Amino acid sequence: MRALAEFIMRGRMQATLVVAGCAALPLLYWLGAAAGCLVLLRRGLQDAIGVLALGLLAGLVWWLQLGEPKVLMVLLGSSSLALVLRASESWVRTLLVSVAVGLVYSVLLGAAFHPQIEALAQEIVKVLPSALGELYQQLSVDERARLAALIAPVLIGLMAVVLQVVSLLSLMLGRYWQALLYNPGGFGREFRSIRIPAGPAMLLLACMVVGPNFGPQAALLLLFCSVPLVFSGLALIHGLVAQKRLARFWLVGLYVTLVLFMQLIYPLLVVLAIVDGLIDFRGRLASKDADNANGEG
């Protein structure tokens, strides 16, 4: 990774080659987005715009010729988040802005794939009676209609939230490269310190709870608002492991469990982030450690 980061920062031609080359490949677009974020974070928009141009052109070709918008969307989304991070130097603000990025993604995906998503939703509606069994038979006609109406927005939301997460991960990789080259250990300290304060955390929670009451489109806020809280929850666990000098085994176990039991660990991370916004676990543990710094007690 370090060798690639050094190659990217060697000059504009090298950076452009990585961004455009990765954007042209179907499985490496996220790497091109990370390279663009690295250049943007280090050198600013004026120097990065020329590097990103060919990558954006490749993403536009993917969309117009092959009907695949994710390359262009992730390049633009991660670059926008990189601008926010560079200007604010705040991961909390960047994570909150990612909610808006996710909403934009959902609008674009809904416009780009409306016929395909509707067709897929209709196929899912057909298999619901056999999939849900007696539970589906117990639903009223109105409840079945509402369930069918939710399928298409949920499909769009799931695709958009995946791209939101990929954009954030690409930005984090670019920030990690920047720290690796110019500030060793800086990214780890930044990430472990992420904590969404009580006010924004409560606002995200309110959007998650109230949003679904305003229709299928507003229900997507449940997905997009959960992403900043999940990253904050992960940062909390990383911070606690570092403070207590625990083995990295705990972090490996966390991510393995997250992959295997996503439906359980994901909401747990959201709850941890909200509680941390109110209590500040890391701050309390740090103050206790400071109190005992004299070796007594």
Protein backbone atom coordinates (compact mmCIF):
# COMPACT_ATOMS: atom_id res chain seq x y z
CA MET A 1 0.00 0.00 0.00
CA ARG A 2 2.80 2.41 0.82
CA ALA A 3 4.46 1.79 -2.54
CA LEU A 4 1.21 2.57 -4.35
CA ALA A 5 0.69 5.75 -2.31
CA GLU A 6 4.24 6.88 -3.09
CA PHE A 7 3.66 6.19 -6.78
CA ILE A 8 0.44 8.24 -6.75
CA MET A 9 2.15 11.21 -5.11
CA ARG A 10 5.20 11.06 -7.39
CA GLY A 11 3.53 13.30 -9.93
CA ARG A 12 0.34 14.26 -11.73
CA MET A 13 0.85 11.73 -14.52
CA GLN A 14 1.26 8.83 -12.08
CA ALA A 15 -1.78 9.90 -10.05
CA THR A 16 -3.90 10.29 -13.18
CA LEU A 17 -2.81 6.84 -14.39
CA VAL A 18 -3.94 5.20 -11.13
CA VAL A 19 -7.26 7.08 -10.90
CA ALA A 20 -8.22 6.59 -14.55
CA GLY A 21 -6.88 3.04 -14.75
CA CYS A 22 -8.74 1.88 -11.66
CA ALA A 23 -11.92 3.68 -12.74
CA ALA A 24 -11.79 1.82 -16.06
CA LEU A 25 -11.70 -1.56 -14.28
CA PRO A 26 -15.01 -2.85 -12.89
CA LEU A 27 -13.70 -4.09 -9.53
CA LEU A 28 -11.11 -1.40 -8.72
CA TYR A 29 -13.14 1.79 -8.97
CA TRP A 30 -12.96 2.20 -5.19
CA LEU A 31 -9.15 2.20 -5.40
CA GLY A 32 -9.26 4.96 -8.00
CA ALA A 33 -11.58 6.95 -5.71
CA ALA A 34 -9.12 6.49 -2.83
CA ALA A 35 -6.25 7.71 -5.02
CA GLY A 36 -8.27 10.77 -6.00
CA CYS A 37 -9.01 11.46 -2.32
CA LEU A 38 -5.31 11.23 -1.49
CA VAL A 39 -4.40 13.84 -4.09
CA LEU A 40 -7.30 16.07 -3.10
CA LEU A 41 -6.51 15.87 0.62
CA ARG A 42 -2.82 16.57 0.11
CA ARG A 43 -2.81 19.09 -2.73
CA GLY A 44 -6.29 20.57 -2.82
CA LEU A 45 -8.99 20.76 -5.45
CA GLN A 46 -7.03 22.91 -7.92
CA ASP A 47 -4.32 20.27 -8.36
CA ALA A 48 -6.69 17.32 -8.02
CA ILE A 49 -9.23 18.37 -10.63
CA GLY A 50 -6.91 17.46 -13.51
CA VAL A 51 -6.15 14.09 -11.92
CA LEU A 52 -9.83 13.31 -11.34
CA ALA A 53 -10.96 14.43 -14.80
CA LEU A 54 -9.97 11.24 -16.65
CA GLY A 55 -11.39 9.08 -13.87
CA LEU A 56 -14.69 10.95 -14.05
CA LEU A 57 -14.66 10.55 -17.82
CA ALA A 58 -14.20 6.79 -17.43
CA GLY A 59 -17.04 6.74 -14.92
CA LEU A 60 -19.25 8.66 -17.37
CA VAL A 61 -18.49 6.09 -20.07
CA TRP A 62 -19.43 3.30 -17.68
CA TRP A 63 -22.77 5.00 -17.03
CA LEU A 64 -23.73 6.06 -20.57
CA GLN A 65 -22.40 3.08 -22.49
CA LEU A 66 -22.80 0.22 -20.02
CA GLY A 67 -25.53 1.50 -17.70
CA GLU A 68 -23.31 1.31 -14.60
CA PRO A 69 -23.36 4.56 -12.59
CA LYS A 70 -21.52 3.43 -9.43
CA VAL A 71 -18.03 4.33 -10.73
CA LEU A 72 -18.93 7.95 -11.39
CA MET A 73 -21.05 8.22 -8.25
CA VAL A 74 -18.36 6.91 -5.90
CA LEU A 75 -15.68 9.10 -7.50
CA LEU A 76 -17.84 12.21 -7.08
CA GLY A 77 -19.14 11.22 -3.66
CA SER A 78 -15.79 10.36 -2.11
CA SER A 79 -14.21 13.48 -3.60
CA SER A 80 -16.99 15.63 -2.15
CA LEU A 81 -16.45 14.07 1.27
CA ALA A 82 -12.69 14.62 0.91
CA LEU A 83 -13.35 18.32 0.29
CA VAL A 84 -15.45 18.46 3.47
CA LEU A 85 -12.74 16.68 5.49
CA ARG A 86 -9.98 18.91 4.11
CA ALA A 87 -11.95 22.10 4.84
CA SER A 88 -13.31 21.13 8.26
CA GLU A 89 -10.67 18.67 9.52
CA SER A 90 -13.61 16.93 11.22
CA TRP A 91 -14.57 13.31 10.65
CA VAL A 92 -17.85 13.90 12.46
CA ARG A 93 -18.89 16.59 9.99
CA THR A 94 -17.75 14.40 7.11
CA LEU A 95 -19.81 11.46 8.36
CA LEU A 96 -22.87 13.67 8.74
CA VAL A 97 -22.46 15.01 5.20
CA SER A 98 -22.33 11.41 3.98
CA VAL A 99 -26.04 11.18 4.83
CA ALA A 100 -26.75 13.80 2.16
CA VAL A 101 -24.46 11.94 -0.24
CA GLY A 102 -26.47 8.76 0.36
CA LEU A 103 -29.71 10.60 -0.35
CA VAL A 104 -28.29 11.91 -3.64
CA TYR A 105 -27.21 8.38 -4.52
CA SER A 106 -30.75 7.10 -3.94
CA VAL A 107 -32.21 9.76 -6.25
CA LEU A 108 -29.71 8.98 -9.01
CA LEU A 109 -30.15 5.23 -8.68
CA GLY A 110 -33.92 5.58 -8.72
CA ALA A 111 -33.70 7.59 -11.93
CA ALA A 112 -31.12 5.35 -13.59
CA PHE A 113 -32.61 1.96 -12.71
CA HIS A 114 -36.31 2.66 -12.26
CA PRO A 115 -37.59 0.08 -14.81
CA GLN A 116 -35.20 -2.64 -13.61
CA ILE A 117 -35.97 -2.02 -9.93
CA GLU A 118 -39.72 -2.04 -10.54
CA ALA A 119 -39.44 -5.30 -12.46
CA LEU A 120 -37.38 -6.86 -9.66
CA ALA A 121 -39.85 -5.58 -7.06
CA GLN A 122 -42.72 -7.21 -8.95
CA GLU A 123 -40.87 -10.52 -8.97
CA ILE A 124 -40.26 -10.26 -5.22
CA VAL A 125 -43.96 -9.51 -4.64
CA LYS A 126 -44.83 -12.76 -6.45
CA VAL A 127 -42.69 -14.87 -4.11
CA LEU A 128 -43.78 -13.15 -0.88
CA PRO A 129 -46.70 -15.54 -0.19
CA SER A 130 -44.44 -18.59 -0.32
CA ALA A 131 -41.55 -16.84 1.45
CA LEU A 132 -43.60 -15.49 4.38
CA GLY A 133 -46.10 -18.36 4.57
CA GLU A 134 -48.83 -17.96 7.16
CA LEU A 135 -47.55 -14.53 8.19
CA TYR A 136 -48.38 -13.18 4.74
CA GLN A 137 -51.86 -14.75 4.86
CA GLN A 138 -52.57 -12.93 8.12
CA LEU A 139 -51.92 -9.53 6.55
CA SER A 140 -54.84 -7.45 5.39
CA VAL A 141 -55.17 -6.23 1.81
CA ASP A 142 -53.96 -2.74 2.77
CA GLU A 143 -50.97 -4.16 4.66
CA ARG A 144 -50.02 -6.28 1.67
CA ALA A 145 -50.21 -3.23 -0.57
CA ARG A 146 -48.01 -1.21 1.77
CA LEU A 147 -45.50 -4.05 1.93
CA ALA A 148 -45.39 -4.27 -1.86
CA ALA A 149 -44.92 -0.49 -2.12
CA LEU A 150 -41.90 -0.65 0.20
CA ILE A 151 -39.92 -3.16 -1.84
CA ALA A 152 -38.67 -0.82 -4.59
CA PRO A 153 -37.57 2.00 -2.20
CA VAL A 154 -35.82 -0.56 0.01
CA LEU A 155 -33.92 -1.97 -2.97
CA ILE A 156 -32.83 1.54 -3.98
CA GLY A 157 -31.89 2.36 -0.38
CA LEU A 158 -29.77 -0.76 0.02
CA MET A 159 -27.83 -0.02 -3.17
CA ALA A 160 -27.38 3.63 -2.17
CA VAL A 161 -26.22 2.86 1.37
CA VAL A 162 -23.64 0.40 0.01
CA LEU A 163 -22.26 3.15 -2.23
CA GLN A 164 -22.32 5.56 0.74
CA VAL A 165 -20.21 3.11 2.75
CA VAL A 166 -17.85 2.49 -0.19
CA SER A 167 -17.36 6.25 -0.62
CA LEU A 168 -16.47 6.62 3.06
CA LEU A 169 -14.10 3.64 2.96
CA SER A 170 -12.39 5.06 -0.14
CA LEU A 171 -11.94 8.37 1.67
CA MET A 172 -10.55 6.57 4.71
CA LEU A 173 -8.08 4.66 2.55
CA GLY A 174 -6.94 7.93 0.97
CA ARG A 175 -6.57 9.50 4.42
CA TYR A 176 -4.66 6.44 5.63
CA TRP A 177 -2.25 6.79 2.70
CA GLN A 178 -1.79 10.48 3.48
CA ALA A 179 -0.95 9.70 7.09
CA LEU A 180 1.32 6.82 6.06
CA LEU A 181 3.41 9.15 3.90
CA TYR A 182 3.34 12.40 5.86
CA ASN A 183 2.03 11.71 9.38
CA PRO A 184 2.63 8.10 10.48
CA GLY A 185 0.02 6.95 12.97
CA GLY A 186 -2.13 10.01 12.37
CA PHE A 187 -5.04 8.20 10.77
CA GLY A 188 -5.32 5.74 13.65
CA ARG A 189 -5.47 8.58 16.17
CA GLU A 190 -8.04 10.41 14.05
CA PHE A 191 -10.27 7.37 13.63
CA ARG A 192 -10.14 6.34 17.28
CA SER A 193 -11.19 9.83 18.34
CA ILE A 194 -14.37 9.88 16.23
CA ARG A 195 -17.35 10.50 18.46
CA ILE A 196 -20.66 11.95 17.33
CA PRO A 197 -21.80 14.38 20.07
CA ALA A 198 -25.16 14.03 21.78
CA GLY A 199 -26.93 16.67 19.66
CA PRO A 200 -26.13 15.26 16.20
CA ALA A 201 -26.56 11.71 17.50
CA MET A 202 -30.06 12.50 18.75
CA LEU A 203 -30.87 14.18 15.44
CA LEU A 204 -29.77 11.09 13.52
CA LEU A 205 -31.81 8.91 15.86
CA ALA A 206 -34.87 11.13 15.40
CA CYS A 207 -34.57 10.89 11.61
CA MET A 208 -34.27 7.12 11.87
CA VAL A 209 -37.36 6.83 14.08
CA VAL A 210 -39.59 9.47 12.50
CA GLY A 211 -38.58 9.09 8.84
CA PRO A 212 -40.49 5.85 8.13
CA ASN A 213 -43.73 7.56 9.22
CA PHE A 214 -43.56 9.91 6.21
CA GLY A 215 -43.65 7.33 3.44
CA PRO A 216 -41.31 4.89 1.70
CA GLN A 217 -38.90 7.57 0.43
CA ALA A 218 -38.42 9.14 3.86
CA ALA A 219 -37.93 5.67 5.30
CA LEU A 220 -34.56 5.57 3.52
CA LEU A 221 -33.28 7.97 6.19
CA LEU A 222 -33.21 4.95 8.49
CA LEU A 223 -30.45 3.46 6.36
CA PHE A 224 -28.42 6.58 5.59
CA CYS A 225 -28.48 7.99 9.13
CA SER A 226 -27.29 4.70 10.58
CA VAL A 227 -23.99 4.79 8.65
CA PRO A 228 -22.33 7.64 10.62
CA LEU A 229 -23.39 5.99 13.87
CA VAL A 230 -21.95 2.63 12.84
CA PHE A 231 -18.58 4.21 11.98
CA SER A 232 -18.68 6.04 15.29
CA GLY A 233 -19.41 2.76 17.06
CA LEU A 234 -16.45 1.11 15.35
CA ALA A 235 -14.24 4.05 16.33
CA LEU A 236 -15.41 3.65 19.93
CA ILE A 237 -14.35 0.01 20.03
CA HIS A 238 -11.01 0.80 18.36
CA GLY A 239 -10.45 3.55 20.91
CA LEU A 240 -11.26 1.34 23.89
CA VAL A 241 -8.98 -1.43 22.60
CA ALA A 242 -6.15 1.09 22.21
CA GLN A 243 -6.73 2.69 25.63
CA LYS A 244 -6.76 -0.65 27.40
CA ARG A 245 -3.88 -1.98 25.27
CA LEU A 246 -5.89 -5.07 24.37
CA ALA A 247 -4.75 -7.57 21.74
CA ARG A 248 -5.73 -6.97 18.11
CA PHE A 249 -7.59 -10.25 18.33
CA TRP A 250 -10.56 -8.30 19.69
CA LEU A 251 -10.72 -6.13 16.57
CA VAL A 252 -10.39 -9.13 14.28
CA GLY A 253 -13.20 -10.80 16.19
CA LEU A 254 -15.32 -7.66 15.88
CA TYR A 255 -15.10 -7.54 12.09
CA VAL A 256 -15.55 -11.28 11.65
CA THR A 257 -18.65 -11.11 13.84
CA LEU A 258 -19.88 -8.05 11.93
CA VAL A 259 -19.66 -9.95 8.65
CA LEU A 260 -21.26 -13.14 9.97
CA PHE A 261 -23.97 -11.54 12.14
CA MET A 262 -24.57 -8.22 10.42
CA GLN A 263 -28.24 -8.08 11.44
CA LEU A 264 -27.25 -8.22 15.12
CA ILE A 265 -23.95 -6.32 15.31
CA TYR A 266 -24.97 -3.43 13.03
CA PRO A 267 -27.80 -2.15 15.28
CA LEU A 268 -25.65 -2.80 18.34
CA LEU A 269 -22.98 -0.46 16.95
CA VAL A 270 -25.66 2.17 16.34
CA VAL A 271 -26.83 1.93 19.96
CA LEU A 272 -23.24 2.07 21.25
CA ALA A 273 -22.56 5.23 19.24
CA ILE A 274 -25.70 6.94 20.57
CA VAL A 275 -24.88 6.02 24.18
CA ASP A 276 -21.27 7.14 23.66
CA GLY A 277 -22.53 10.50 22.43
CA LEU A 278 -24.27 10.91 25.78
CA ILE A 279 -21.67 9.38 28.10
CA ASP A 280 -18.28 9.59 26.29
CA PHE A 281 -16.76 6.26 27.35
CA ARG A 282 -13.26 7.10 26.12
CA GLY A 283 -13.19 10.45 27.90
CA ARG A 284 -14.30 8.90 31.17
CA LEU A 285 -11.73 6.11 30.94
CA ALA A 286 -8.99 8.59 30.07
CA SER A 287 -9.83 10.76 33.09
CA LYS A 288 -9.75 7.73 35.39
CA ASP A 289 -6.37 6.73 34.01
CA ALA A 290 -5.12 10.28 34.61
CA ASP A 291 -6.36 10.15 38.19
CA ASN A 292 -4.31 7.03 38.80
CA ALA A 293 -1.19 8.27 37.04
CA ASN A 294 0.66 8.68 40.36
CA GLY A 295 0.47 4.92 40.90
CA GLU A 296 -1.73 5.16 43.99
CA GLY A 297 -5.26 3.98 44.56
